[in-house]
């Protein structure tokens, strides 16, 4: 089992920035991908960004060049730096831990990000 706790959401104006953080309850050293997904009202959950144990990253097309994901295996955390935020980035953001070998996913409770003037 892995518990994930997100923090850092909130209200920000267009063009602003936020930094989301996710803390895992166990070591994230290897064999996993950690990431962020988001879900806006009436839409399906979509990948924002994820980072594998070895450091490989993937980003959703809509956030490339604006968002950066990073992980700290010593602290069991993953962070998402979000710059140049747009109203369409408004959503609940969920932290995800994907255990590669057993193909199992764990989710945080979600944190609201609202981009509005």
Protein backbone atom coordinates (compact mmCIF):
# COMPACT_ATOMS: atom_id res chain seq x y z
CA UNK A 1 0.00 0.00 0.00
CA UNK A 2 1.06 3.53 -0.74
CA UNK A 3 -0.62 6.61 0.65
CA UNK A 4 -0.17 9.81 -1.29
CA UNK A 5 -0.78 13.29 0.09
CA UNK A 6 -0.91 16.28 -2.25
CA UNK A 7 -0.41 19.93 -1.40
CA UNK A 8 0.04 23.24 -3.18
CA UNK A 9 -3.20 23.76 -5.07
CA UNK A 10 -5.14 27.00 -5.03
CA UNK A 11 -6.36 29.97 -6.99
CA UNK A 12 -4.01 31.78 -9.37
CA UNK A 13 -4.41 34.33 -12.12
CA UNK A 14 -3.74 33.47 -15.76
CA UNK A 15 -0.04 33.62 -16.49
CA UNK A 16 0.80 32.80 -12.90
CA UNK A 17 2.45 29.77 -11.38
CA UNK A 18 1.90 27.10 -8.76
CA UNK A 19 3.95 24.24 -7.41
CA UNK A 20 2.26 21.00 -6.42
CA UNK A 21 3.88 18.51 -4.11
CA UNK A 22 3.05 14.87 -3.38
CA UNK A 23 4.45 12.92 -0.47
CA UNK A 24 4.42 9.12 -0.51
CA UNK A 25 4.15 6.99 2.61
CA UNK A 26 6.88 4.60 1.50
CA UNK A 27 10.08 4.58 -0.47
CA UNK A 28 9.74 5.50 -4.13
CA UNK A 29 13.27 4.46 -4.96
CA UNK A 30 12.65 2.06 -7.83
CA UNK A 31 10.22 0.14 -10.02
CA UNK A 32 7.62 2.84 -10.40
CA UNK A 33 6.40 5.89 -12.16
CA UNK A 34 5.06 8.82 -10.24
CA UNK A 35 2.91 11.38 -11.89
CA UNK A 36 0.15 13.91 -11.95
CA UNK A 37 -3.20 13.56 -13.62
CA UNK A 38 -6.02 16.04 -13.72
CA UNK A 39 -9.76 15.99 -14.17
CA UNK A 40 -11.89 18.97 -15.09
CA UNK A 41 -15.68 18.97 -14.65
CA UNK A 42 -17.33 16.91 -17.34
CA UNK A 43 -14.04 15.61 -18.70
CA UNK A 44 -12.05 12.43 -18.34
CA UNK A 45 -8.97 12.21 -16.20
CA UNK A 46 -5.87 12.94 -18.26
CA UNK A 47 -2.14 12.64 -17.86
CA UNK A 48 -0.37 15.86 -16.99
CA UNK A 49 3.13 14.52 -16.41
CA UNK A 50 4.89 11.50 -15.01
CA UNK A 51 8.42 10.53 -14.16
CA UNK A 52 9.86 7.05 -13.97
CA UNK A 53 12.35 5.78 -11.41
CA UNK A 54 15.19 6.21 -13.87
CA UNK A 55 14.28 9.81 -14.55
CA UNK A 56 12.45 9.51 -17.87
CA UNK A 57 9.60 11.99 -18.11
CA UNK A 58 6.39 12.20 -20.09
CA UNK A 59 4.12 15.22 -20.48
CA UNK A 60 0.66 15.80 -21.82
CA UNK A 61 0.69 17.81 -25.03
CA UNK A 62 -1.18 20.72 -23.50
CA UNK A 63 1.42 21.33 -20.78
CA UNK A 64 4.69 20.74 -22.63
CA UNK A 65 7.05 23.65 -22.17
CA UNK A 66 5.06 25.07 -19.26
CA UNK A 67 5.09 22.33 -16.59
CA UNK A 68 8.06 20.49 -15.12
CA UNK A 69 7.91 17.31 -13.04
CA UNK A 70 10.63 16.25 -10.64
CA UNK A 71 11.13 13.64 -7.96
CA UNK A 72 13.25 13.32 -4.85
CA UNK A 73 13.71 9.67 -3.98
CA UNK A 74 15.37 10.50 -0.67
CA UNK A 75 12.32 12.45 0.46
CA UNK A 76 9.74 10.22 -1.28
CA UNK A 77 8.24 13.22 -3.02
CA UNK A 78 7.28 14.27 -6.50
CA UNK A 79 6.62 17.86 -7.50
CA UNK A 80 5.01 19.62 -10.40
CA UNK A 81 6.08 23.15 -11.25
CA UNK A 82 3.33 24.80 -13.27
CA UNK A 83 4.17 28.03 -15.10
CA UNK A 84 2.23 30.22 -17.51
CA UNK A 85 -1.03 28.83 -16.19
CA UNK A 86 -4.15 29.11 -18.33
CA UNK A 87 -7.84 28.94 -17.42
CA UNK A 88 -8.01 25.58 -19.17
CA UNK A 89 -5.56 24.20 -16.60
CA UNK A 90 -8.33 24.46 -14.02
CA UNK A 91 -8.99 20.99 -12.63
CA UNK A 92 -8.53 18.67 -9.69
CA UNK A 93 -4.96 17.39 -9.81
CA UNK A 94 -4.26 13.88 -8.57
CA UNK A 95 -0.94 12.38 -7.61
CA UNK A 96 -0.36 8.87 -8.92
CA UNK A 97 2.03 6.09 -7.98
CA UNK A 98 2.25 3.32 -10.58
CA UNK A 99 3.97 0.13 -9.47
CA UNK A 100 5.41 -1.15 -12.73
CA UNK A 101 6.02 -4.80 -11.82
CA UNK A 102 2.52 -5.47 -10.46
CA UNK A 103 0.75 -2.95 -12.69
CA UNK A 104 -1.03 -1.34 -9.75
CA UNK A 105 -1.99 2.29 -9.28
CA UNK A 106 -2.40 4.33 -6.14
CA UNK A 107 -4.01 7.76 -6.03
CA UNK A 108 -3.98 10.78 -3.80
CA UNK A 109 -7.13 12.56 -2.73
CA UNK A 110 -6.67 15.37 -5.23
CA UNK A 111 -6.00 19.08 -4.96
CA UNK A 112 -7.94 21.82 -6.70
CA UNK A 113 -6.17 24.19 -9.07
CA UNK A 114 -8.20 27.13 -10.32
CA UNK A 115 -6.84 29.58 -12.88
CA UNK A 116 -9.03 32.64 -13.06
CA UNK A 117 -8.85 36.42 -13.05
